[in-house]
């Protein structure tokens, strides 16, 4: 028996031990400590993902893929520069280029899903890339405009209707069918040549952007009509 008090390992209260190897102040504290250690050992043997299955490893067989993916993400976060360099080198290697060519559809789907789930991050990356290569993208856009004049005009018409909150839309196929229906002539004066879509009821006066509200007209008639309706314009001819 010693004359010096010590702290109980369980309740942390001072007591005078009867022997040199006594660690607990009472039998109750000794049992509670043993139960606590047993519970902790049981928890250590549970799956770290689901916490339900007792395993000898970190994760159960069903959760092992998710656990491995978690470890991979943690490693990438700790070593982002190293991972980015390795990925870039692999993409430029013959094996990487071959694999990407064989799995192009899969990569496109993954990229699309990522863009849909990270719209703000994707938009920021696009704006940053455009600001860094503005002249290159402007030149490519001009080349695309010259090679696809019909699609470019269609984009401008859609944007104009969208800015005015006009309901409805039509595609290039519907527009070509409408022009063919009128024989490639202006619906007002009957001239041939380059035709433009004109809204029977202007968008500024509540007209829709459906194909039923569209007429193919020449540039001269379209400029003269302006924001008038068909009845108002025909009354001035």
Foldseek 3Di string as FASTA:
>chain_A
DDPDWAAAPQPGDTDDDPDPPDRHPDPVSVVVVVVVVVVVVQQCQAAPPPSPDGHPDNHDPVCVVVVVVVVVVVVCVVPVVVVVVVVVVLCPDPVNVVVCVVCVVVVVVVVVVVCVVPVPVVVVVVVVVCVVVVVVVVVVVVVVCVVCVPVVLQVVVVVVCVVLVADDADDPVLVVVQCVVLVQAAPPPGDHDDWDWDFLQDSVRRGHHHSVRIGTHDPVLRVQCPRHHPVVSVVVD
